[in-house]
């Protein structure tokens, strides 16, 4: 007398079930890693719009973004930013938002 095995308990079904489980685990973990990498890339590129002003252009460069230019009006604002938000270590004390700026065409650089 032979006993009949349930369909799900047969060796080939158990092997397929184990393979499918391993596939799901690997597929889901890979997806999570990709999402974390994409999130990290998004965070890295999120700060690229920030520019650090180096008021003392003769000082040492710290590897940050440095803007060279000429202030035509509002030098008092530049000094206020330097005194109110700047530190000797280069880390700002406050967040400074420059709401409006522009670029002077090269042919007008010598005009005052």
C-alpha atoms as a PDB file:
ATOM      1  CA  UNK A   1       0.000   0.000   0.000  1.00  0.00           C
ATOM      2  CA  UNK A   2       1.457   3.267  -1.027  1.00  0.00           C
ATOM      3  CA  UNK A   3       0.496   6.528   0.474  1.00  0.00           C
ATOM      4  CA  UNK A   4      -0.237   9.343  -1.881  1.00  0.00           C
ATOM      5  CA  UNK A   5       1.713  12.511  -1.190  1.00  0.00           C
ATOM      6  CA  UNK A   6       0.050  15.869  -1.299  1.00  0.00           C
ATOM      7  CA  UNK A   7       0.890  17.860  -4.442  1.00  0.00           C
ATOM      8  CA  UNK A   8       2.715  20.606  -2.469  1.00  0.00           C
ATOM      9  CA  UNK A   9       4.839  18.159  -0.517  1.00  0.00           C
ATOM     10  CA  UNK A  10       6.286  16.429  -3.547  1.00  0.00           C
ATOM     11  CA  UNK A  11      10.048  17.009  -3.908  1.00  0.00           C
ATOM     12  CA  UNK A  12       9.861  18.855  -7.221  1.00  0.00           C
ATOM     13  CA  UNK A  13       7.251  21.276  -5.854  1.00  0.00           C
ATOM     14  CA  UNK A  14       9.314  21.907  -2.729  1.00  0.00           C
ATOM     15  CA  UNK A  15      12.342  22.614  -4.895  1.00  0.00           C
ATOM     16  CA  UNK A  16      10.365  25.054  -7.068  1.00  0.00           C
ATOM     17  CA  UNK A  17       8.908  26.719  -3.978  1.00  0.00           C
ATOM     18  CA  UNK A  18      12.398  27.146  -2.466  1.00  0.00           C
ATOM     19  CA  UNK A  19      13.777  28.555  -5.734  1.00  0.00           C
ATOM     20  CA  UNK A  20      10.852  30.975  -6.030  1.00  0.00           C
ATOM     21  CA  UNK A  21      11.336  32.138  -2.427  1.00  0.00           C
ATOM     22  CA  UNK A  22      15.047  32.762  -2.994  1.00  0.00           C
ATOM     23  CA  UNK A  23      14.243  34.657  -6.186  1.00  0.00           C
ATOM     24  CA  UNK A  24      11.739  36.891  -4.383  1.00  0.00           C
ATOM     25  CA  UNK A  25      14.135  37.647  -1.542  1.00  0.00           C
ATOM     26  CA  UNK A  26      16.933  38.575  -3.945  1.00  0.00           C
ATOM     27  CA  UNK A  27      14.648  40.601  -6.199  1.00  0.00           C
ATOM     28  CA  UNK A  28      13.177  42.611  -3.331  1.00  0.00           C
ATOM     29  CA  UNK A  29      16.525  43.263  -1.663  1.00  0.00           C
ATOM     30  CA  UNK A  30      18.004  44.423  -4.974  1.00  0.00           C
ATOM     31  CA  UNK A  31      15.096  46.825  -5.458  1.00  0.00           C
ATOM     32  CA  UNK A  32      15.643  48.308  -1.997  1.00  0.00           C
ATOM     33  CA  UNK A  33      19.343  48.817  -2.698  1.00  0.00           C
ATOM     34  CA  UNK A  34      18.552  50.592  -5.975  1.00  0.00           C
ATOM     35  CA  UNK A  35      16.030  52.849  -4.232  1.00  0.00           C
ATOM     36  CA  UNK A  36      18.580  53.741  -1.542  1.00  0.00           C
ATOM     37  CA  UNK A  37      21.218  54.488  -4.187  1.00  0.00           C
ATOM     38  CA  UNK A  38      18.785  56.660  -6.156  1.00  0.00           C
ATOM     39  CA  UNK A  39      17.835  58.500  -2.972  1.00  0.00           C
ATOM     40  CA  UNK A  40      21.520  59.083  -2.157  1.00  0.00           C
ATOM     41  CA  UNK A  41      22.205  60.382  -5.672  1.00  0.00           C
ATOM     42  CA  UNK A  42      19.215  62.702  -5.400  1.00  0.00           C
ATOM     43  CA  UNK A  43      20.513  64.015  -2.067  1.00  0.00           C
ATOM     44  CA  UNK A  44      24.001  64.513  -3.507  1.00  0.00           C
ATOM     45  CA  UNK A  45      22.712  66.547  -6.423  1.00  0.00           C
ATOM     46  CA  UNK A  46      20.235  68.438  -4.315  1.00  0.00           C
ATOM     47  CA  UNK A  47      22.940  70.673  -2.852  1.00  0.00           C
ATOM     48  CA  UNK A  48      24.701  71.566  -6.092  1.00  0.00           C
ATOM     49  CA  UNK A  49      22.827  74.856  -6.361  1.00  0.00           C
ATOM     50  CA  UNK A  50      24.465  76.208  -3.212  1.00  0.00           C
ATOM     51  CA  UNK A  51      27.355  78.601  -3.647  1.00  0.00           C
ATOM     52  CA  UNK A  52      29.738  79.723  -0.925  1.00  0.00           C
ATOM     53  CA  UNK A  53      31.021  83.270  -1.122  1.00  0.00           C
ATOM     54  CA  UNK A  54      34.671  83.727  -0.192  1.00  0.00           C
ATOM     55  CA  UNK A  55      34.824  87.314   1.035  1.00  0.00           C
ATOM     56  CA  UNK A  56      38.591  87.261   1.647  1.00  0.00           C
ATOM     57  CA  UNK A  57      39.800  86.233  -1.814  1.00  0.00           C
ATOM     58  CA  UNK A  58      43.412  86.236  -0.644  1.00  0.00           C
ATOM     59  CA  UNK A  59      42.658  83.593   1.987  1.00  0.00           C
ATOM     60  CA  UNK A  60      43.000  79.860   1.684  1.00  0.00           C
ATOM     61  CA  UNK A  61      40.521  77.980  -0.510  1.00  0.00           C
ATOM     62  CA  UNK A  62      38.748  75.209   1.311  1.00  0.00           C
ATOM     63  CA  UNK A  63      37.601  73.331  -1.759  1.00  0.00           C
ATOM     64  CA  UNK A  64      34.199  74.994  -1.766  1.00  0.00           C
ATOM     65  CA  UNK A  65      32.570  76.885  -4.608  1.00  0.00           C
ATOM     66  CA  UNK A  66      34.030  80.363  -4.831  1.00  0.00           C
ATOM     67  CA  UNK A  67      32.348  83.203  -6.659  1.00  0.00           C
ATOM     68  CA  UNK A  68      34.573  85.899  -8.123  1.00  0.00           C
ATOM     69  CA  UNK A  69      32.985  89.102  -9.175  1.00  0.00           C
ATOM     70  CA  UNK A  70      32.462  92.757  -8.525  1.00  0.00           C
ATOM     71  CA  UNK A  71      29.809  94.240  -6.295  1.00  0.00           C
ATOM     72  CA  UNK A  72      28.394  97.307  -8.034  1.00  0.00           C
ATOM     73  CA  UNK A  73      25.879  98.307  -5.375  1.00  0.00           C
ATOM     74  CA  UNK A  74      25.174  97.097  -1.887  1.00  0.00           C
ATOM     75  CA  UNK A  75      28.615  96.406  -0.466  1.00  0.00           C
ATOM     76  CA  UNK A  76      27.038  97.038   2.937  1.00  0.00           C
ATOM     77  CA  UNK A  77      24.959  93.911   2.311  1.00  0.00           C
ATOM     78  CA  UNK A  78      28.100  91.897   1.629  1.00  0.00           C
ATOM     79  CA  UNK A  79      29.653  93.112   4.891  1.00  0.00           C
ATOM     80  CA  UNK A  80      26.413  92.288   6.741  1.00  0.00           C
ATOM     81  CA  UNK A  81      26.495  88.740   5.372  1.00  0.00           C
ATOM     82  CA  UNK A  82      30.158  88.387   6.291  1.00  0.00           C
ATOM     83  CA  UNK A  83      29.698  89.730   9.819  1.00  0.00           C
ATOM     84  CA  UNK A  84      26.324  88.185  10.600  1.00  0.00           C
ATOM     85  CA  UNK A  85      26.517  84.754   9.044  1.00  0.00           C
ATOM     86  CA  UNK A  86      30.174  84.020   8.433  1.00  0.00           C
ATOM     87  CA  UNK A  87      32.669  82.357  10.757  1.00  0.00           C
ATOM     88  CA  UNK A  88      36.421  81.857  10.711  1.00  0.00           C
ATOM     89  CA  UNK A  89      35.955  78.113  10.294  1.00  0.00           C
ATOM     90  CA  UNK A  90      33.959  78.602   7.094  1.00  0.00           C
ATOM     91  CA  UNK A  91      30.749  77.105   8.476  1.00  0.00           C
ATOM     92  CA  UNK A  92      27.887  79.602   8.362  1.00  0.00           C
ATOM     93  CA  UNK A  93      26.084  80.640  11.542  1.00  0.00           C
ATOM     94  CA  UNK A  94      22.876  81.450   9.685  1.00  0.00           C
ATOM     95  CA  UNK A  95      21.243  80.633   6.401  1.00  0.00           C
ATOM     96  CA  UNK A  96      21.635  83.439   3.870  1.00  0.00           C
ATOM     97  CA  UNK A  97      19.350  83.618   0.862  1.00  0.00           C
ATOM     98  CA  UNK A  98      20.313  85.823  -2.066  1.00  0.00           C
ATOM     99  CA  UNK A  99      16.929  86.532  -3.594  1.00  0.00           C
ATOM    100  CA  UNK A 100      18.120  88.321  -6.704  1.00  0.00           C
ATOM    101  CA  UNK A 101      21.372  88.356  -8.623  1.00  0.00           C
ATOM    102  CA  UNK A 102      22.484  88.813 -12.163  1.00  0.00           C
ATOM    103  CA  UNK A 103      25.289  88.696 -14.641  1.00  0.00           C
ATOM    104  CA  UNK A 104      26.852  91.711 -16.260  1.00  0.00           C
ATOM    105  CA  UNK A 105      27.612  91.247 -19.968  1.00  0.00           C
ATOM    106  CA  UNK A 106      31.350  91.109 -20.652  1.00  0.00           C
ATOM    107  CA  UNK A 107      31.309  94.245 -22.815  1.00  0.00           C
ATOM    108  CA  UNK A 108      30.037  96.283 -19.814  1.00  0.00           C
ATOM    109  CA  UNK A 109      32.571  95.010 -17.253  1.00  0.00           C
ATOM    110  CA  UNK A 110      34.632  98.203 -17.318  1.00  0.00           C
ATOM    111  CA  UNK A 111      31.647 100.519 -16.835  1.00  0.00           C
ATOM    112  CA  UNK A 112      31.018 101.795 -13.315  1.00  0.00           C
END
